Protein backbone atom coordinates (compact mmCIF):
# COMPACT_ATOMS: atom_id res chain seq x y z
CA UNK A 1 195.80 100.44 109.58
CA UNK A 2 195.13 103.54 111.72
CA UNK A 3 197.86 104.13 114.35
CA UNK A 4 196.61 103.95 117.92
CA UNK A 5 198.52 107.04 119.01
CA UNK A 6 197.94 109.73 116.38
CA UNK A 7 200.34 112.14 118.09
CA UNK A 8 203.30 109.77 118.10
CA UNK A 9 206.01 110.23 115.47
CA UNK A 10 203.90 112.49 113.26
CA UNK A 11 201.21 109.85 112.69
CA UNK A 12 198.67 112.65 112.21
CA UNK A 13 200.44 114.03 109.14
CA UNK A 14 199.17 111.44 106.61
CA UNK A 15 195.64 112.14 107.81
CA UNK A 16 196.11 115.87 107.24
CA UNK A 17 197.49 115.34 103.74
CA UNK A 18 194.70 112.90 102.95
CA UNK A 19 192.20 115.59 103.92
CA UNK A 20 193.98 118.27 101.87
CA UNK A 21 194.16 115.99 98.85
CA UNK A 22 190.48 115.10 99.18
CA UNK A 23 189.56 118.78 99.47
CA UNK A 24 191.55 119.64 96.32
CA UNK A 25 189.88 116.83 94.37
CA UNK A 26 186.38 117.84 95.53
CA UNK A 27 186.92 121.49 94.59
CA UNK A 28 188.29 120.42 91.21
CA UNK A 29 185.31 118.17 90.50
CA UNK A 30 182.89 121.01 91.25
CA UNK A 31 184.75 123.87 89.55
CA UNK A 32 186.20 122.15 86.52
CA UNK A 33 183.11 119.94 86.41
CA UNK A 34 180.83 122.81 85.46
CA UNK A 35 183.12 124.17 82.74
CA UNK A 36 183.65 120.66 81.34
CA UNK A 37 179.87 120.38 81.32
CA UNK A 38 179.49 123.68 79.50
CA UNK A 39 181.99 122.44 76.92
CA UNK A 40 180.01 119.26 76.29
CA UNK A 41 176.73 121.19 76.03
CA UNK A 42 178.13 123.35 73.23
CA UNK A 43 177.19 120.62 70.75
CA UNK A 44 173.54 121.43 71.48
CA UNK A 45 173.78 125.22 71.10
CA UNK A 46 173.60 127.73 68.26
CA UNK A 47 176.67 129.74 67.21
CA UNK A 48 175.48 132.81 69.12
CA UNK A 49 174.82 130.77 72.24
CA UNK A 50 178.23 129.11 71.98
CA UNK A 51 179.88 132.53 72.31
CA UNK A 52 177.78 133.26 75.40
CA UNK A 53 178.63 129.88 76.92
CA UNK A 54 182.36 130.40 76.37
CA UNK A 55 182.09 133.89 77.85
CA UNK A 56 180.40 132.48 80.98
CA UNK A 57 183.41 130.26 81.78
CA UNK A 58 186.14 132.37 80.19
CA UNK A 59 187.53 134.00 83.35
CA UNK A 60 187.45 130.78 85.38
CA UNK A 61 188.10 127.58 83.41
CA UNK A 62 191.90 127.72 83.29
CA UNK A 63 192.24 128.49 87.01
CA UNK A 64 189.81 125.69 87.87
CA UNK A 65 192.27 123.12 86.54
CA UNK A 66 194.83 124.31 89.11
CA UNK A 67 193.01 122.20 91.71
CA UNK A 68 193.72 119.07 89.66
CA UNK A 69 197.42 119.94 89.65
CA UNK A 70 197.32 120.52 93.41
CA UNK A 71 195.58 117.20 94.10
CA UNK A 72 197.98 115.27 91.89
CA UNK A 73 200.95 117.10 93.39
CA UNK A 74 199.89 116.26 96.93
CA UNK A 75 199.48 112.61 95.95
CA UNK A 76 202.98 112.58 94.45
CA UNK A 77 204.88 114.27 97.26
CA UNK A 78 202.90 112.99 100.27
CA UNK A 79 202.05 109.46 99.09
CA UNK A 80 204.68 108.60 96.45
CA UNK A 81 204.17 104.82 96.66
CA UNK A 82 200.43 105.19 96.11
CA UNK A 83 201.07 107.66 93.29
CA UNK A 84 203.16 105.09 91.45
CA UNK A 85 200.61 102.34 92.00
CA UNK A 86 197.60 104.41 90.92
CA UNK A 87 199.27 106.00 87.89
CA UNK A 88 200.56 102.62 86.74
CA UNK A 89 197.05 101.17 86.89
CA UNK A 90 195.46 104.20 85.23
CA UNK A 91 198.16 105.19 82.75
CA UNK A 92 195.94 105.12 79.64
CA UNK A 93 192.89 106.98 81.04
CA UNK A 94 195.20 109.60 82.62
CA UNK A 95 196.86 110.12 79.22
CA UNK A 96 193.44 110.44 77.57
CA UNK A 97 192.30 112.92 80.22
CA UNK A 98 195.39 115.06 79.65
CA UNK A 99 194.83 114.89 75.88
CA UNK A 100 191.26 116.11 76.40
CA UNK A 101 192.43 119.00 78.60
CA UNK A 102 195.07 119.95 76.02
CA UNK A 103 192.46 119.99 73.25
CA UNK A 104 190.30 122.25 75.40
CA UNK A 105 193.12 124.69 76.06
CA UNK A 106 194.17 124.91 72.42
CA UNK A 107 190.59 125.22 71.15
CA UNK A 108 189.66 127.92 73.64
CA UNK A 109 192.42 130.25 72.43
CA UNK A 110 192.27 129.41 68.73
CA UNK A 111 188.49 129.82 68.39
CA UNK A 112 188.85 133.46 69.43
CA UNK A 113 191.20 134.16 66.50
CA UNK A 114 189.82 131.84 63.81
CA UNK A 115 187.45 132.73 60.99
CA UNK A 116 183.85 131.58 60.95
CA UNK A 117 184.59 128.30 59.17
CA UNK A 118 187.50 127.31 61.40
CA UNK A 119 185.75 128.58 64.50
CA UNK A 120 183.14 125.83 64.19
CA UNK A 121 185.89 123.23 64.05
CA UNK A 122 187.50 124.57 67.20
CA UNK A 123 184.11 124.60 68.90
CA UNK A 124 183.71 120.91 68.06
CA UNK A 125 187.25 120.23 69.28
CA UNK A 126 186.52 122.04 72.55
CA UNK A 127 183.40 119.93 73.06
CA UNK A 128 185.27 116.73 72.15
CA UNK A 129 188.09 117.55 74.57
CA UNK A 130 185.57 118.22 77.33
CA UNK A 131 183.82 114.90 76.68
CA UNK A 132 187.09 112.95 76.51
CA UNK A 133 188.37 114.40 79.79
CA UNK A 134 185.03 113.73 81.53
CA UNK A 135 184.77 110.14 80.32
CA UNK A 136 188.38 109.46 81.34
CA UNK A 137 187.81 110.81 84.84
CA UNK A 138 184.67 108.73 85.25
CA UNK A 139 186.49 105.62 84.03
CA UNK A 140 189.26 106.24 86.58
CA UNK A 141 186.67 106.57 89.33
CA UNK A 142 185.08 103.28 88.29
CA UNK A 143 188.43 101.47 88.22
CA UNK A 144 189.27 102.88 91.66
CA UNK A 145 185.98 101.59 93.08
CA UNK A 146 186.64 98.18 91.53
CA UNK A 147 190.11 98.03 93.07
CA UNK A 148 191.86 98.37 89.67
CA UNK A 149 190.71 94.92 88.58
CA UNK A 150 191.14 94.11 84.88
CA UNK A 151 188.08 91.88 84.55
CA UNK A 152 185.33 92.49 82.00
CA UNK A 153 182.72 93.38 84.67
CA UNK A 154 185.14 95.90 86.22
CA UNK A 155 185.88 97.50 82.84
CA UNK A 156 182.19 97.56 81.95
CA UNK A 157 181.31 99.23 85.25
CA UNK A 158 184.11 101.76 84.76
CA UNK A 159 182.87 102.64 81.27
CA UNK A 160 179.36 103.13 82.67
CA UNK A 161 180.78 105.26 85.49
CA UNK A 162 182.51 107.39 82.84
CA UNK A 163 179.21 108.02 81.06
CA UNK A 164 177.46 108.84 84.35
CA UNK A 165 180.17 111.28 85.47
CA UNK A 166 180.05 113.01 82.09
CA UNK A 167 176.27 113.34 82.56
CA UNK A 168 176.87 114.76 86.04
CA UNK A 169 179.27 117.34 84.64
CA UNK A 170 176.76 118.25 81.92
CA UNK A 171 174.13 118.66 84.65
CA UNK A 172 176.20 120.98 86.82
CA UNK A 173 177.28 122.85 83.67
CA UNK A 174 173.63 123.42 82.76
CA UNK A 175 172.96 124.66 86.30
CA UNK A 176 175.87 127.08 85.91
CA UNK A 177 174.36 128.42 82.68
CA UNK A 178 170.97 128.89 84.37
CA UNK A 179 172.73 131.14 86.86
CA UNK A 180 175.04 132.98 84.46
CA UNK A 181 172.94 133.50 81.33
CA UNK A 182 169.55 134.87 80.37
CA UNK A 183 166.94 134.72 77.66
CA UNK A 184 166.71 131.79 75.26
CA UNK A 185 170.01 130.24 76.35
CA UNK A 186 168.87 130.23 79.97
CA UNK A 187 165.62 128.51 79.02
CA UNK A 188 167.50 125.89 77.01
CA UNK A 189 169.84 125.37 79.95
CA UNK A 190 166.85 124.54 82.13
CA UNK A 191 165.85 121.83 79.64
CA UNK A 192 169.40 120.45 79.61
CA UNK A 193 169.49 120.39 83.41
CA UNK A 194 166.20 118.47 83.57
CA UNK A 195 167.46 115.95 81.03
CA UNK A 196 170.79 115.27 82.74
CA UNK A 197 169.32 115.30 86.25
CA UNK A 198 167.97 111.79 85.70
CA UNK A 199 171.30 110.45 84.46
CA UNK A 200 173.10 112.05 87.39
CA UNK A 201 170.69 110.39 89.82
CA UNK A 202 171.18 107.03 88.09
CA UNK A 203 174.95 107.43 88.30
CA UNK A 204 174.86 108.18 92.02
CA UNK A 205 172.57 105.20 92.61
CA UNK A 206 174.86 102.94 90.58
CA UNK A 207 177.98 103.91 92.54
CA UNK A 208 176.12 103.69 95.87
CA UNK A 209 174.91 100.17 95.12
CA UNK A 210 178.03 98.71 93.52
CA UNK A 211 180.62 100.06 95.96
CA UNK A 212 179.47 98.06 99.03
CA UNK A 213 178.63 95.00 96.92
CA UNK A 214 182.16 94.61 95.56
CA UNK A 215 183.87 95.26 98.90
CA UNK A 216 182.93 93.36 102.06
CA UNK A 217 184.75 95.81 104.34
CA UNK A 218 182.79 98.77 102.91
CA UNK A 219 179.54 96.81 103.20
CA UNK A 220 180.20 96.26 106.89
CA UNK A 221 181.08 99.94 107.44
CA UNK A 222 177.70 101.04 106.10
CA UNK A 223 175.29 98.29 107.08
CA UNK A 224 176.27 97.25 110.59
CA UNK A 225 174.34 98.50 113.59
CA UNK A 226 174.58 101.28 114.81
CA UNK A 227 176.46 102.61 111.74
CA UNK A 228 173.43 101.97 109.53
CA UNK A 229 171.24 104.28 111.61
CA UNK A 230 173.90 106.95 112.09
CA UNK A 231 175.02 107.07 108.45
CA UNK A 232 171.60 106.82 106.80
CA UNK A 233 171.42 110.62 106.17
CA UNK A 234 174.62 110.52 104.06
CA UNK A 235 173.14 108.59 101.08
CA UNK A 236 169.63 109.97 101.63
CA UNK A 237 170.65 113.64 101.58
CA UNK A 238 171.81 113.66 97.92
CA UNK A 239 168.53 112.01 96.91
CA UNK A 240 166.60 114.67 98.82
CA UNK A 241 168.61 117.44 97.13
CA UNK A 242 168.01 115.89 93.70
CA UNK A 243 164.29 115.80 94.43
CA UNK A 244 164.35 119.47 95.42
CA UNK A 245 166.31 120.22 92.25
CA UNK A 246 163.66 118.52 90.15
CA UNK A 247 160.87 120.70 91.57
CA UNK A 248 163.04 123.83 91.44
CA UNK A 249 163.90 123.26 87.77
CA UNK A 250 160.20 123.00 86.95
CA UNK A 251 159.89 126.63 88.09
CA UNK A 252 163.05 127.88 86.39
CA UNK A 253 163.89 130.37 85.09
CA UNK A 254 162.33 132.67 87.69
CA UNK A 255 163.25 135.75 85.69
CA UNK A 256 163.82 137.88 88.79
CA UNK A 257 167.60 137.43 88.80
CA UNK A 258 167.60 136.35 92.45
CA UNK A 259 166.91 132.61 92.47
CA UNK A 260 168.78 131.33 89.40
CA UNK A 261 171.75 130.39 91.62
CA UNK A 262 169.74 127.77 93.53
CA UNK A 263 170.19 124.84 91.08
CA UNK A 264 173.96 125.36 90.93
CA UNK A 265 174.25 125.54 94.72
CA UNK A 266 172.15 122.41 95.13
CA UNK A 267 174.24 120.60 92.49
CA UNK A 268 177.38 121.45 94.48
CA UNK A 269 175.71 119.98 97.56
CA UNK A 270 174.95 116.74 95.69
CA UNK A 271 178.54 116.37 94.50
CA UNK A 272 179.95 117.20 97.94
CA UNK A 273 177.73 114.69 99.76
CA UNK A 274 178.53 111.97 97.22
CA UNK A 275 182.24 112.66 97.69
CA UNK A 276 181.92 112.46 101.48
CA UNK A 277 180.23 109.08 101.13
CA UNK A 278 183.02 107.75 98.91
CA UNK A 279 185.71 109.13 101.21
CA UNK A 280 184.12 107.44 104.23
CA UNK A 281 183.80 104.17 102.31
CA UNK A 282 187.46 103.91 101.35
CA UNK A 283 189.08 105.47 104.44
CA UNK A 284 191.80 104.75 105.57
CA UNK A 285 192.92 103.27 102.24
CA UNK A 286 194.47 105.42 99.53
CA UNK A 287 194.87 102.37 97.27
CA UNK A 288 191.72 100.26 97.85
CA UNK A 289 192.36 97.32 100.18
CA UNK A 290 196.11 97.45 99.52
CA UNK A 291 197.66 100.57 100.99
CA UNK A 292 196.51 102.89 103.79
CA UNK A 293 197.42 106.54 104.12
CA UNK A 294 200.10 105.60 106.64
CA UNK A 295 201.52 102.79 104.50
CA UNK A 296 201.95 105.09 101.50
CA UNK A 297 203.07 108.27 103.27
CA UNK A 298 206.47 109.88 103.01
CA UNK A 299 208.68 110.19 106.09
CA UNK A 300 207.27 112.48 108.82
CA UNK A 301 210.21 114.88 108.41
CA UNK A 302 209.43 115.26 104.71
CA UNK A 303 205.72 115.69 105.37
CA UNK A 304 206.40 118.54 107.82
CA UNK A 305 208.35 120.42 105.16
CA UNK A 306 205.71 119.74 102.53
CA UNK A 307 202.97 120.83 104.93
CA UNK A 308 204.60 124.24 105.35
CA UNK A 309 204.49 124.72 101.58
CA UNK A 310 200.96 123.38 101.29
CA UNK A 311 199.67 125.74 103.97
CA UNK A 312 201.08 128.61 101.93
CA UNK A 313 199.97 127.46 98.48
CA UNK A 314 196.44 126.30 99.37
CA UNK A 315 195.21 129.68 100.74
CA UNK A 316 196.75 131.43 97.72
CA UNK A 317 194.90 129.23 95.24
CA UNK A 318 191.67 129.44 97.23
CA UNK A 319 192.02 133.20 97.61
CA UNK A 320 192.59 133.64 93.89
CA UNK A 321 189.59 131.44 93.09
CA UNK A 322 187.33 133.49 95.36
CA UNK A 323 188.77 136.82 94.17
CA UNK A 324 188.42 136.01 90.46
CA UNK A 325 184.87 134.81 91.03
CA UNK A 326 184.04 138.06 92.79
CA UNK A 327 185.69 140.29 90.15
CA UNK A 328 183.93 138.53 87.25
CA UNK A 329 180.65 137.92 89.09
């Protein structure tokens, strides 16, 4: 459990690395989430619109995946025991996710050089890779919530979580297109956002309901007094943002070029608040109910060395992300 003296023997280091890893995962979900969503939405677009959709994510999509590498790297070097446990339990969905990301990378480059006939095939492959990676990530989230149980209800919930996360990615991808495109494609993106908004809300509700029901400790963290009163805004805030999104999308596109960013910003807020809720639910465990951050952490001496590297690498990746976004704004 949590050490009483956080300053003794570097006991604060696992907490720092847990925060850095969580930050990397959240940024990945938001950034790679929207370009995965754009990839899945390509199945609903015309050939001309597909080129515009690819152009909207072209300068960013490859760099967005860097945050996944950073999160996985921090898990490996800072919490090696947990890394082995989690990867062993999720070996197949991780392999499928990587296969989906590989298909995306290959398709993105080949479609630019292929003829018209082959270009359509690579477009379908890009969309299939995006869908496969999204479903695999959602399945992993579901299995994590269920404590890596191999029962039929756990697998069924994980499959449903995969579909809901894919819908969430499609939603934030549509919001990105509202911001970054214009004309007919922008109007179609508004329709896509409205359609996937409902599925995103259902997915958030599903996770919010199931997580405390399958874990007594999490139930007590949320529903005891005074925690219930103090934490009530955390689950209510995403619902409020989704409601605002619904009314905002009814007025989109504004056509003035100044308010199209609002749905994307609100979608980021929804994802961030949902992530905060999950992080609070499972803290201090990195492997649900089996291994805390401190149980799984490397030696304090190793963590100090790793922290020096992380404090150099993290600002570089974040700086590049911000700079590339500004250059290609």
